[in-house]
């Protein structure tokens, strides 16, 4: 076992730094009946459960880890973290 394969205290060693995780932001959700879902097409509007200035939820590997606000960086959407949750929520 190499020195970068061990835990130092309760912090992971550098061995995990290259591990990829899935990270995504959820703008909001909507519950739709199947009948309405089947009628959706190009140009359809699905109203979400959030207001314009409400924070979005930031998830890592399906665990909610933070709240954030949507920003634009050059021509890409991005998020700025506004609150890190103390414990990952489902």
PDB file of N, CA and C in Angstrom:
ATOM      1  N   UNK A   1       0.849  -1.174   0.000  1.00  0.00           N
ATOM      2  CA  UNK A   1       0.000   0.000   0.000  1.00  0.00           C
ATOM      3  C   UNK A   1       0.893   1.235   0.000  1.00  0.00           C
ATOM      4  N   UNK A   2       0.688   2.138  -0.968  1.00  0.00           N
ATOM      5  CA  UNK A   2       1.473   3.361  -1.061  1.00  0.00           C
ATOM      6  C   UNK A   2       0.967   4.421  -0.111  1.00  0.00           C
ATOM      7  N   UNK A   3       1.757   5.469   0.062  1.00  0.00           N
ATOM      8  CA  UNK A   3       1.382   6.528   1.006  1.00  0.00           C
ATOM      9  C   UNK A   3       0.133   7.281   0.565  1.00  0.00           C
ATOM     10  N   UNK A   4      -0.197   7.279  -0.759  1.00  0.00           N
ATOM     11  CA  UNK A   4      -1.405   7.970  -1.168  1.00  0.00           C
ATOM     12  C   UNK A   4      -2.629   7.049  -1.182  1.00  0.00           C
ATOM     13  N   UNK A   5      -2.518   5.846  -0.597  1.00  0.00           N
ATOM     14  CA  UNK A   5      -3.646   4.927  -0.482  1.00  0.00           C
ATOM     15  C   UNK A   5      -4.195   4.878   0.939  1.00  0.00           C
ATOM     16  N   UNK A   6      -3.778   5.768   1.801  1.00  0.00           N
ATOM     17  CA  UNK A   6      -4.188   5.701   3.198  1.00  0.00           C
ATOM     18  C   UNK A   6      -5.006   6.925   3.588  1.00  0.00           C
ATOM     19  N   UNK A   7      -5.685   6.788   4.703  1.00  0.00           N
ATOM     20  CA  UNK A   7      -6.408   7.916   5.273  1.00  0.00           C
ATOM     21  C   UNK A   7      -5.499   8.577   6.295  1.00  0.00           C
ATOM     22  N   UNK A   8      -5.524   9.894   6.311  1.00  0.00           N
ATOM     23  CA  UNK A   8      -4.766  10.641   7.306  1.00  0.00           C
ATOM     24  C   UNK A   8      -5.810  11.318   8.186  1.00  0.00           C
ATOM     25  N   UNK A   9      -5.956  10.840   9.407  1.00  0.00           N
ATOM     26  CA  UNK A   9      -7.033  11.321  10.264  1.00  0.00           C
ATOM     27  C   UNK A   9      -8.353  10.933   9.627  1.00  0.00           C
ATOM     28  N   UNK A  10      -9.257  11.878   9.492  1.00  0.00           N
ATOM     29  CA  UNK A  10     -10.521  11.588   8.830  1.00  0.00           C
ATOM     30  C   UNK A  10     -10.598  12.217   7.436  1.00  0.00           C
ATOM     31  N   UNK A  11      -9.440  12.602   6.897  1.00  0.00           N
ATOM     32  CA  UNK A  11      -9.399  13.198   5.563  1.00  0.00           C
ATOM     33  C   UNK A  11      -8.870  12.172   4.560  1.00  0.00           C
ATOM     34  N   UNK A  12      -9.483  12.113   3.358  1.00  0.00           N
ATOM     35  CA  UNK A  12      -8.987  11.169   2.359  1.00  0.00           C
ATOM     36  C   UNK A  12      -7.631  11.602   1.830  1.00  0.00           C
ATOM     37  N   UNK A  13      -6.853  10.637   1.439  1.00  0.00           N
ATOM     38  CA  UNK A  13      -5.548  10.950   0.867  1.00  0.00           C
ATOM     39  C   UNK A  13      -5.714  11.406  -0.579  1.00  0.00           C
ATOM     40  N   UNK A  14      -4.641  11.788  -1.208  1.00  0.00           N
ATOM     41  CA  UNK A  14      -4.674  12.286  -2.582  1.00  0.00           C
ATOM     42  C   UNK A  14      -5.117  11.235  -3.583  1.00  0.00           C
ATOM     43  N   UNK A  15      -5.186   9.977  -3.195  1.00  0.00           N
ATOM     44  CA  UNK A  15      -5.577   8.907  -4.116  1.00  0.00           C
ATOM     45  C   UNK A  15      -6.987   9.115  -4.665  1.00  0.00           C
ATOM     46  N   UNK A  16      -7.859   9.816  -3.959  1.00  0.00           N
ATOM     47  CA  UNK A  16      -9.238   9.999  -4.424  1.00  0.00           C
ATOM     48  C   UNK A  16      -9.421  11.249  -5.269  1.00  0.00           C
ATOM     49  N   UNK A  17      -8.434  12.086  -5.396  1.00  0.00           N
ATOM     50  CA  UNK A  17      -8.585  13.361  -6.096  1.00  0.00           C
ATOM     51  C   UNK A  17      -8.950  13.215  -7.573  1.00  0.00           C
ATOM     52  N   UNK A  18      -8.598  12.117  -8.212  1.00  0.00           N
ATOM     53  CA  UNK A  18      -8.889  11.922  -9.630  1.00  0.00           C
ATOM     54  C   UNK A  18     -10.168  11.127  -9.874  1.00  0.00           C
ATOM     55  N   UNK A  19     -10.899  10.769  -8.834  1.00  0.00           N
ATOM     56  CA  UNK A  19     -12.142  10.023  -8.989  1.00  0.00           C
ATOM     57  C   UNK A  19     -13.227  10.986  -9.461  1.00  0.00           C
ATOM     58  N   UNK A  20     -13.929  10.609 -10.528  1.00  0.00           N
ATOM     59  CA  UNK A  20     -14.999  11.454 -11.069  1.00  0.00           C
ATOM     60  C   UNK A  20     -16.300  11.202 -10.314  1.00  0.00           C
ATOM     61  N   UNK A  21     -17.066  12.263 -10.102  1.00  0.00           N
ATOM     62  CA  UNK A  21     -18.385  12.164  -9.495  1.00  0.00           C
ATOM     63  C   UNK A  21     -19.369  12.911 -10.391  1.00  0.00           C
ATOM     64  N   UNK A  22     -20.640  12.506 -10.338  1.00  0.00           N
ATOM     65  CA  UNK A  22     -21.679  13.177 -11.105  1.00  0.00           C
ATOM     66  C   UNK A  22     -22.180  14.371 -10.308  1.00  0.00           C
ATOM     67  N   UNK A  23     -22.176  15.538 -10.919  1.00  0.00           N
ATOM     68  CA  UNK A  23     -22.617  16.766 -10.258  1.00  0.00           C
ATOM     69  C   UNK A  23     -23.669  17.426 -11.151  1.00  0.00           C
ATOM     70  N   UNK A  24     -24.830  17.753 -10.557  1.00  0.00           N
ATOM     71  CA  UNK A  24     -25.870  18.411 -11.332  1.00  0.00           C
ATOM     72  C   UNK A  24     -26.691  19.340 -10.457  1.00  0.00           C
ATOM     73  N   UNK A  25     -27.307  20.328 -11.077  1.00  0.00           N
ATOM     74  CA  UNK A  25     -28.147  21.298 -10.387  1.00  0.00           C
ATOM     75  C   UNK A  25     -29.592  21.087 -10.836  1.00  0.00           C
ATOM     76  N   UNK A  26     -30.506  21.127  -9.876  1.00  0.00           N
ATOM     77  CA  UNK A  26     -31.934  20.950 -10.170  1.00  0.00           C
ATOM     78  C   UNK A  26     -32.623  22.305 -10.051  1.00  0.00           C
ATOM     79  N   UNK A  27     -33.172  22.781 -11.159  1.00  0.00           N
ATOM     80  CA  UNK A  27     -33.867  24.062 -11.189  1.00  0.00           C
ATOM     81  C   UNK A  27     -35.201  23.993 -10.474  1.00  0.00           C
ATOM     82  N   UNK A  28     -35.837  22.851 -10.507  1.00  0.00           N
ATOM     83  CA  UNK A  28     -37.145  22.661  -9.892  1.00  0.00           C
ATOM     84  C   UNK A  28     -37.739  21.356 -10.384  1.00  0.00           C
ATOM     85  N   UNK A  29     -38.923  21.042  -9.879  1.00  0.00           N
ATOM     86  CA  UNK A  29     -39.592  19.808 -10.283  1.00  0.00           C
ATOM     87  C   UNK A  29     -41.051  20.105 -10.581  1.00  0.00           C
ATOM     88  N   UNK A  30     -41.694  19.170 -11.250  1.00  0.00           N
ATOM     89  CA  UNK A  30     -43.120  19.271 -11.548  1.00  0.00           C
ATOM     90  C   UNK A  30     -43.707  17.865 -11.564  1.00  0.00           C
ATOM     91  N   UNK A  31     -44.895  17.712 -11.008  1.00  0.00           N
ATOM     92  CA  UNK A  31     -45.627  16.448 -11.082  1.00  0.00           C
ATOM     93  C   UNK A  31     -46.643  16.571 -12.204  1.00  0.00           C
ATOM     94  N   UNK A  32     -46.549  15.660 -13.169  1.00  0.00           N
ATOM     95  CA  UNK A  32     -47.452  15.700 -14.319  1.00  0.00           C
ATOM     96  C   UNK A  32     -48.171  14.365 -14.443  1.00  0.00           C
ATOM     97  N   UNK A  33     -49.461  14.408 -14.741  1.00  0.00           N
ATOM     98  CA  UNK A  33     -50.140  13.158 -15.080  1.00  0.00           C
ATOM     99  C   UNK A  33     -49.606  12.636 -16.414  1.00  0.00           C
ATOM    100  N   UNK A  34     -49.624  11.346 -16.587  1.00  0.00           N
ATOM    101  CA  UNK A  34     -49.121  10.732 -17.825  1.00  0.00           C
ATOM    102  C   UNK A  34     -49.815  11.349 -19.049  1.00  0.00           C
ATOM    103  N   UNK A  35     -51.109  11.586 -18.969  1.00  0.00           N
ATOM    104  CA  UNK A  35     -51.844  12.159 -20.105  1.00  0.00           C
ATOM    105  C   UNK A  35     -51.251  13.501 -20.531  1.00  0.00           C
ATOM    106  N   UNK A  36     -50.897  14.346 -19.541  1.00  0.00           N
ATOM    107  CA  UNK A  36     -50.303  15.647 -19.863  1.00  0.00           C
ATOM    108  C   UNK A  36     -48.890  15.470 -20.402  1.00  0.00           C
ATOM    109  N   UNK A  37     -48.142  14.544 -19.831  1.00  0.00           N
ATOM    110  CA  UNK A  37     -46.781  14.259 -20.291  1.00  0.00           C
ATOM    111  C   UNK A  37     -46.783  13.833 -21.754  1.00  0.00           C
ATOM    112  N   UNK A  38     -47.739  13.009 -22.130  1.00  0.00           N
ATOM    113  CA  UNK A  38     -47.815  12.524 -23.504  1.00  0.00           C
ATOM    114  C   UNK A  38     -48.179  13.624 -24.501  1.00  0.00           C
ATOM    115  N   UNK A  39     -48.786  14.706 -24.029  1.00  0.00           N
ATOM    116  CA  UNK A  39     -49.167  15.822 -24.908  1.00  0.00           C
ATOM    117  C   UNK A  39     -48.035  16.830 -25.105  1.00  0.00           C
ATOM    118  N   UNK A  40     -46.948  16.697 -24.333  1.00  0.00           N
ATOM    119  CA  UNK A  40     -45.851  17.657 -24.445  1.00  0.00           C
ATOM    120  C   UNK A  40     -45.190  17.570 -25.811  1.00  0.00           C
ATOM    121  N   UNK A  41     -44.851  18.698 -26.332  1.00  0.00           N
ATOM    122  CA  UNK A  41     -44.148  18.758 -27.608  1.00  0.00           C
ATOM    123  C   UNK A  41     -43.282  20.001 -27.633  1.00  0.00           C
ATOM    124  N   UNK A  42     -42.668  20.227 -28.759  1.00  0.00           N
ATOM    125  CA  UNK A  42     -41.809  21.401 -28.908  1.00  0.00           C
ATOM    126  C   UNK A  42     -42.590  22.664 -28.569  1.00  0.00           C
ATOM    127  N   UNK A  43     -41.999  23.497 -27.721  1.00  0.00           N
ATOM    128  CA  UNK A  43     -42.627  24.745 -27.329  1.00  0.00           C
ATOM    129  C   UNK A  43     -43.510  24.638 -26.096  1.00  0.00           C
ATOM    130  N   UNK A  44     -43.733  23.414 -25.620  1.00  0.00           N
ATOM    131  CA  UNK A  44     -44.556  23.247 -24.420  1.00  0.00           C
ATOM    132  C   UNK A  44     -43.825  23.849 -23.217  1.00  0.00           C
ATOM    133  N   UNK A  45     -44.574  24.397 -22.283  1.00  0.00           N
ATOM    134  CA  UNK A  45     -44.007  24.993 -21.081  1.00  0.00           C
ATOM    135  C   UNK A  45     -44.405  24.124 -19.890  1.00  0.00           C
ATOM    136  N   UNK A  46     -43.419  23.716 -19.108  1.00  0.00           N
ATOM    137  CA  UNK A  46     -43.663  22.946 -17.894  1.00  0.00           C
ATOM    138  C   UNK A  46     -43.314  23.858 -16.723  1.00  0.00           C
ATOM    139  N   UNK A  47     -44.318  24.208 -15.931  1.00  0.00           N
ATOM    140  CA  UNK A  47     -44.101  25.097 -14.792  1.00  0.00           C
ATOM    141  C   UNK A  47     -43.484  24.295 -13.643  1.00  0.00           C
ATOM    142  N   UNK A  48     -42.379  24.808 -13.116  1.00  0.00           N
ATOM    143  CA  UNK A  48     -41.665  24.146 -12.027  1.00  0.00           C
ATOM    144  C   UNK A  48     -42.110  24.710 -10.689  1.00  0.00           C
ATOM    145  N   UNK A  49     -41.711  24.039  -9.619  1.00  0.00           N
ATOM    146  CA  UNK A  49     -42.142  24.420  -8.269  1.00  0.00           C
ATOM    147  C   UNK A  49     -41.286  25.510  -7.631  1.00  0.00           C
ATOM    148  N   UNK A  50     -40.452  26.187  -8.394  1.00  0.00           N
ATOM    149  CA  UNK A  50     -39.580  27.232  -7.855  1.00  0.00           C
ATOM    150  C   UNK A  50     -39.895  28.572  -8.471  1.00  0.00           C
ATOM    151  N   UNK A  51     -39.600  29.631  -7.724  1.00  0.00           N
ATOM    152  CA  UNK A  51     -39.727  30.993  -8.227  1.00  0.00           C
ATOM    153  C   UNK A  51     -38.422  31.381  -8.910  1.00  0.00           C
ATOM    154  N   UNK A  52     -38.426  32.476  -9.646  1.00  0.00           N
ATOM    155  CA  UNK A  52     -37.266  32.903 -10.435  1.00  0.00           C
ATOM    156  C   UNK A  52     -36.010  33.071  -9.581  1.00  0.00           C
ATOM    157  N   UNK A  53     -36.103  33.672  -8.427  1.00  0.00           N
ATOM    158  CA  UNK A  53     -34.909  33.938  -7.620  1.00  0.00           C
ATOM    159  C   UNK A  53     -34.650  32.892  -6.528  1.00  0.00           C
ATOM    160  N   UNK A  54     -35.422  31.801  -6.527  1.00  0.00           N
ATOM    161  CA  UNK A  54     -35.185  30.736  -5.547  1.00  0.00           C
ATOM    162  C   UNK A  54     -33.865  30.036  -5.847  1.00  0.00           C
ATOM    163  N   UNK A  55     -33.180  29.547  -4.819  1.00  0.00           N
ATOM    164  CA  UNK A  55     -31.947  28.803  -5.067  1.00  0.00           C
ATOM    165  C   UNK A  55     -32.245  27.469  -5.738  1.00  0.00           C
ATOM    166  N   UNK A  56     -31.261  26.958  -6.453  1.00  0.00           N
ATOM    167  CA  UNK A  56     -31.350  25.621  -7.040  1.00  0.00           C
ATOM    168  C   UNK A  56     -30.610  24.656  -6.123  1.00  0.00           C
ATOM    169  N   UNK A  57     -30.928  23.378  -6.239  1.00  0.00           N
ATOM    170  CA  UNK A  57     -30.264  22.361  -5.432  1.00  0.00           C
ATOM    171  C   UNK A  57     -29.098  21.773  -6.214  1.00  0.00           C
ATOM    172  N   UNK A  58     -27.952  21.638  -5.561  1.00  0.00           N
ATOM    173  CA  UNK A  58     -26.763  21.067  -6.174  1.00  0.00           C
ATOM    174  C   UNK A  58     -26.564  19.669  -5.606  1.00  0.00           C
ATOM    175  N   UNK A  59     -26.468  18.692  -6.495  1.00  0.00           N
ATOM    176  CA  UNK A  59     -26.320  17.288  -6.106  1.00  0.00           C
ATOM    177  C   UNK A  59     -24.974  16.748  -6.567  1.00  0.00           C
ATOM    178  N   UNK A  60     -24.408  15.857  -5.770  1.00  0.00           N
ATOM    179  CA  UNK A  60     -23.228  15.092  -6.157  1.00  0.00           C
ATOM    180  C   UNK A  60     -23.560  13.629  -5.886  1.00  0.00           C
ATOM    181  N   UNK A  61     -23.483  12.832  -6.939  1.00  0.00           N
ATOM    182  CA  UNK A  61     -23.837  11.410  -6.838  1.00  0.00           C
ATOM    183  C   UNK A  61     -25.184  11.201  -6.154  1.00  0.00           C
ATOM    184  N   UNK A  62     -26.190  11.958  -6.593  1.00  0.00           N
ATOM    185  CA  UNK A  62     -27.579  11.862  -6.128  1.00  0.00           C
ATOM    186  C   UNK A  62     -27.802  12.294  -4.683  1.00  0.00           C
ATOM    187  N   UNK A  63     -26.838  12.935  -4.075  1.00  0.00           N
ATOM    188  CA  UNK A  63     -26.986  13.471  -2.718  1.00  0.00           C
ATOM    189  C   UNK A  63     -26.956  14.989  -2.793  1.00  0.00           C
ATOM    190  N   UNK A  64     -27.969  15.637  -2.198  1.00  0.00           N
ATOM    191  CA  UNK A  64     -28.001  17.100  -2.209  1.00  0.00           C
ATOM    192  C   UNK A  64     -26.939  17.612  -1.250  1.00  0.00           C
ATOM    193  N   UNK A  65     -26.021  18.422  -1.770  1.00  0.00           N
ATOM    194  CA  UNK A  65     -24.899  18.884  -0.952  1.00  0.00           C
ATOM    195  C   UNK A  65     -24.886  20.395  -0.743  1.00  0.00           C
ATOM    196  N   UNK A  66     -25.660  21.133  -1.559  1.00  0.00           N
ATOM    197  CA  UNK A  66     -25.596  22.589  -1.449  1.00  0.00           C
ATOM    198  C   UNK A  66     -26.793  23.234  -2.123  1.00  0.00           C
ATOM    199  N   UNK A  67     -26.970  24.525  -1.831  1.00  0.00           N
ATOM    200  CA  UNK A  67     -27.922  25.370  -2.548  1.00  0.00           C
ATOM    201  C   UNK A  67     -27.083  26.369  -3.341  1.00  0.00           C
ATOM    202  N   UNK A  68     -27.597  26.783  -4.481  1.00  0.00           N
ATOM    203  CA  UNK A  68     -26.816  27.644  -5.363  1.00  0.00           C
ATOM    204  C   UNK A  68     -27.731  28.562  -6.153  1.00  0.00           C
ATOM    205  N   UNK A  69     -27.128  29.552  -6.785  1.00  0.00           N
ATOM    206  CA  UNK A  69     -27.884  30.408  -7.696  1.00  0.00           C
ATOM    207  C   UNK A  69     -27.301  30.255  -9.094  1.00  0.00           C
ATOM    208  N   UNK A  70     -28.180  30.361 -10.082  1.00  0.00           N
ATOM    209  CA  UNK A  70     -27.768  30.213 -11.476  1.00  0.00           C
ATOM    210  C   UNK A  70     -27.115  31.503 -11.942  1.00  0.00           C
ATOM    211  N   UNK A  71     -25.968  31.368 -12.608  1.00  0.00           N
ATOM    212  CA  UNK A  71     -25.239  32.504 -13.171  1.00  0.00           C
ATOM    213  C   UNK A  71     -24.815  32.148 -14.597  1.00  0.00           C
ATOM    214  N   UNK A  72     -24.364  33.140 -15.325  1.00  0.00           N
ATOM    215  CA  UNK A  72     -23.853  32.923 -16.677  1.00  0.00           C
ATOM    216  C   UNK A  72     -22.372  33.246 -16.671  1.00  0.00           C
ATOM    217  N   UNK A  73     -21.576  32.311 -17.175  1.00  0.00           N
ATOM    218  CA  UNK A  73     -20.134  32.505 -17.308  1.00  0.00           C
ATOM    219  C   UNK A  73     -19.820  32.404 -18.793  1.00  0.00           C
ATOM    220  N   UNK A  74     -19.453  33.545 -19.380  1.00  0.00           N
ATOM    221  CA  UNK A  74     -19.286  33.665 -20.828  1.00  0.00           C
ATOM    222  C   UNK A  74     -20.586  33.217 -21.479  1.00  0.00           C
ATOM    223  N   UNK A  75     -20.602  32.105 -22.229  1.00  0.00           N
ATOM    224  CA  UNK A  75     -21.855  31.674 -22.854  1.00  0.00           C
ATOM    225  C   UNK A  75     -22.364  30.361 -22.266  1.00  0.00           C
ATOM    226  N   UNK A  76     -21.978  30.072 -21.019  1.00  0.00           N
ATOM    227  CA  UNK A  76     -22.407  28.842 -20.351  1.00  0.00           C
ATOM    228  C   UNK A  76     -23.184  29.158 -19.071  1.00  0.00           C
ATOM    229  N   UNK A  77     -24.144  28.293 -18.760  1.00  0.00           N
ATOM    230  CA  UNK A  77     -24.808  28.382 -17.461  1.00  0.00           C
ATOM    231  C   UNK A  77     -23.882  27.787 -16.414  1.00  0.00           C
ATOM    232  N   UNK A  78     -23.934  28.332 -15.220  1.00  0.00           N
ATOM    233  CA  UNK A  78     -23.121  27.840 -14.110  1.00  0.00           C
ATOM    234  C   UNK A  78     -23.896  28.111 -12.825  1.00  0.00           C
ATOM    235  N   UNK A  79     -23.370  27.649 -11.711  1.00  0.00           N
ATOM    236  CA  UNK A  79     -23.993  27.945 -10.422  1.00  0.00           C
ATOM    237  C   UNK A  79     -22.943  28.486  -9.462  1.00  0.00           C
ATOM    238  N   UNK A  80     -23.392  29.388  -8.597  1.00  0.00           N
ATOM    239  CA  UNK A  80     -22.572  29.889  -7.501  1.00  0.00           C
ATOM    240  C   UNK A  80     -23.156  29.314  -6.229  1.00  0.00           C
ATOM    241  N   UNK A  81     -22.347  28.621  -5.453  1.00  0.00           N
ATOM    242  CA  UNK A  81     -22.834  28.001  -4.227  1.00  0.00           C
ATOM    243  C   UNK A  81     -23.122  29.087  -3.201  1.00  0.00           C
ATOM    244  N   UNK A  82     -24.342  29.051  -2.636  1.00  0.00           N
ATOM    245  CA  UNK A  82     -24.745  30.027  -1.649  1.00  0.00           C
ATOM    246  C   UNK A  82     -24.815  29.421  -0.245  1.00  0.00           C
ATOM    247  N   UNK A  83     -24.966  28.107  -0.172  1.00  0.00           N
ATOM    248  CA  UNK A  83     -25.042  27.430   1.127  1.00  0.00           C
ATOM    249  C   UNK A  83     -24.611  25.978   0.962  1.00  0.00           C
ATOM    250  N   UNK A  84     -23.653  25.560   1.758  1.00  0.00           N
ATOM    251  CA  UNK A  84     -23.238  24.163   1.785  1.00  0.00           C
ATOM    252  C   UNK A  84     -24.020  23.492   2.914  1.00  0.00           C
ATOM    253  N   UNK A  85     -24.696  22.397   2.592  1.00  0.00           N
ATOM    254  CA  UNK A  85     -25.485  21.702   3.593  1.00  0.00           C
ATOM    255  C   UNK A  85     -24.567  20.955   4.547  1.00  0.00           C
ATOM    256  N   UNK A  86     -24.899  20.953   5.819  1.00  0.00           N
ATOM    257  CA  UNK A  86     -24.054  20.303   6.815  1.00  0.00           C
ATOM    258  C   UNK A  86     -23.986  18.804   6.612  1.00  0.00           C
ATOM    259  N   UNK A  87     -25.076  18.223   6.191  1.00  0.00           N
ATOM    260  CA  UNK A  87     -25.127  16.788   5.969  1.00  0.00           C
ATOM    261  C   UNK A  87     -25.847  16.563   4.652  1.00  0.00           C
ATOM    262  N   UNK A  88     -25.313  15.683   3.810  1.00  0.00           N
ATOM    263  CA  UNK A  88     -25.924  15.435   2.525  1.00  0.00           C
ATOM    264  C   UNK A  88     -27.363  14.979   2.698  1.00  0.00           C
ATOM    265  N   UNK A  89     -28.285  15.612   1.983  1.00  0.00           N
ATOM    266  CA  UNK A  89     -29.707  15.263   2.046  1.00  0.00           C
ATOM    267  C   UNK A  89     -30.072  14.434   0.828  1.00  0.00           C
ATOM    268  N   UNK A  90     -31.122  13.636   0.959  1.00  0.00           N
ATOM    269  CA  UNK A  90     -31.575  12.840  -0.190  1.00  0.00           C
ATOM    270  C   UNK A  90     -32.479  13.629  -1.086  1.00  0.00           C
TER     271      UNK A  90
END
